[in-house]
Amino acid sequence: MLAWEKIICWVVSRISGLISSQFRKFKKLIKDFVYGATTYEYALELEHKMFQHECILEAVVFGDRYGFPISNYYKLRLLPYWIERLTQFDKGILREKDLLEKMKI
């Protein structure tokens, strides 16, 4: 193979690499646009609902620490699974919330 043939092969491979990377970027852009236009709001709402349900469950399990008089046998059965999340839950409950965080925007 001659030197100019090597150069041509290198240029063609670089051009095809650039075209494929541009195509991947365009494909990701279209995918993100369609996701945002169709299902992003639903996914955000689902995440919010899951957070609310998780807070309720944590309030049932750890409620005695914060003055919620909830006594239940099943709470004691859930406690070993939720003990790792206790510090994270403490930070979330005891954190001061801003007015804009409470509003659903």
Protein backbone atom coordinates (compact mmCIF):
# COMPACT_ATOMS: atom_id res chain seq x y z
CA MET A 1 0.00 0.00 0.00
CA LEU A 2 1.37 3.36 -1.00
CA ALA A 3 1.65 6.35 1.29
CA TRP A 4 -1.15 8.28 -0.41
CA GLU A 5 -3.44 5.24 -0.10
CA LYS A 6 -2.75 5.16 3.66
CA ILE A 7 -3.54 8.85 3.86
CA ILE A 8 -6.81 8.37 1.97
CA CYS A 9 -7.79 5.43 4.23
CA TRP A 10 -7.01 7.53 7.30
CA VAL A 11 -9.04 10.50 5.99
CA VAL A 12 -12.00 8.26 5.12
CA SER A 13 -11.93 6.62 8.54
CA ARG A 14 -11.80 10.04 10.25
CA ILE A 15 -14.70 11.34 8.16
CA SER A 16 -16.81 8.26 8.83
CA GLY A 17 -16.01 8.55 12.55
CA LEU A 18 -17.08 12.20 12.56
CA ILE A 19 -20.29 11.40 10.66
CA SER A 20 -21.15 8.55 13.03
CA SER A 21 -20.50 10.73 16.10
CA GLN A 22 -22.66 13.50 14.61
CA PHE A 23 -25.39 10.94 13.89
CA ARG A 24 -25.21 9.68 17.49
CA LYS A 25 -25.51 13.23 18.79
CA PHE A 26 -28.48 13.92 16.51
CA LYS A 27 -30.12 10.64 17.52
CA LYS A 28 -29.69 11.50 21.23
CA LEU A 29 -31.10 14.98 20.60
CA ILE A 30 -34.21 13.57 18.91
CA LYS A 31 -34.60 10.93 21.63
CA ASP A 32 -34.36 13.54 24.41
CA PHE A 33 -36.82 15.81 22.61
CA VAL A 34 -39.40 13.04 22.18
CA TYR A 35 -38.93 11.94 25.81
CA GLY A 36 -39.37 15.51 27.03
CA ALA A 37 -42.40 16.11 24.86
CA THR A 38 -44.21 12.90 25.78
CA THR A 39 -43.23 11.26 29.06
CA TYR A 40 -40.99 13.59 31.08
CA GLU A 41 -43.87 15.10 33.04
CA TYR A 42 -45.26 11.65 33.87
CA ALA A 43 -41.85 10.43 35.01
CA LEU A 44 -41.43 13.51 37.20
CA GLU A 45 -44.88 13.02 38.73
CA LEU A 46 -44.15 9.33 39.34
CA GLU A 47 -40.89 10.21 41.06
CA HIS A 48 -42.73 12.72 43.26
CA LYS A 49 -45.40 10.15 44.19
CA MET A 50 -42.76 7.54 44.99
CA PHE A 51 -41.02 10.04 47.26
CA GLN A 52 -44.29 10.80 49.04
CA HIS A 53 -45.06 7.11 49.58
CA GLU A 54 -41.54 6.51 50.82
CA CYS A 55 -41.89 9.39 53.30
CA ILE A 56 -45.15 7.94 54.58
CA LEU A 57 -43.57 4.51 55.04
CA GLU A 58 -40.57 6.02 56.80
CA ALA A 59 -42.88 8.05 59.04
CA VAL A 60 -44.62 4.82 60.02
CA VAL A 61 -41.35 3.03 60.71
CA PHE A 62 -39.49 5.89 62.43
CA GLY A 63 -42.49 7.88 63.68
CA ASP A 64 -41.82 7.29 67.36
CA ARG A 65 -38.62 9.31 67.10
CA TYR A 66 -40.51 12.39 65.94
CA GLY A 67 -43.55 12.19 68.20
CA PHE A 68 -45.96 10.27 65.97
CA PRO A 69 -47.59 7.74 68.30
CA ILE A 70 -47.76 4.85 65.85
CA SER A 71 -47.34 1.49 67.51
CA ASN A 72 -47.47 -1.53 65.31
CA TYR A 73 -45.98 -5.01 65.26
CA TYR A 74 -45.23 -4.77 61.54
CA LYS A 75 -43.18 -1.65 62.11
CA LEU A 76 -40.71 -3.73 64.10
CA ARG A 77 -40.49 -6.21 61.25
CA LEU A 78 -39.66 -3.42 58.77
CA LEU A 79 -37.10 -1.74 60.99
CA PRO A 80 -34.05 -3.91 60.06
CA TYR A 81 -34.56 -3.13 56.37
CA TRP A 82 -34.85 0.61 56.90
CA ILE A 83 -32.18 1.22 59.57
CA GLU A 84 -29.53 2.16 56.95
CA ARG A 85 -31.76 4.96 55.69
CA LEU A 86 -32.30 6.46 59.13
CA THR A 87 -29.69 9.22 58.81
CA GLN A 88 -30.91 10.18 55.34
CA PHE A 89 -34.49 10.32 56.61
CA ASP A 90 -33.43 12.45 59.59
CA LYS A 91 -31.80 14.97 57.29
CA GLY A 92 -34.87 15.09 55.06
CA ILE A 93 -37.36 15.51 57.89
CA LEU A 94 -35.39 17.97 59.97
CA ARG A 95 -34.21 20.12 57.03
CA GLU A 96 -35.79 23.56 56.87
CA LYS A 97 -37.92 23.81 53.76
CA ASP A 98 -38.28 26.93 51.67
CA LEU A 99 -41.66 28.28 50.58
CA LEU A 100 -40.88 27.59 46.92
CA GLU A 101 -40.08 23.94 47.70
CA LYS A 102 -43.50 23.49 49.27
CA MET A 103 -45.23 24.99 46.24
CA LYS A 104 -45.71 22.61 43.34
CA ILE A 105 -44.31 24.45 40.34
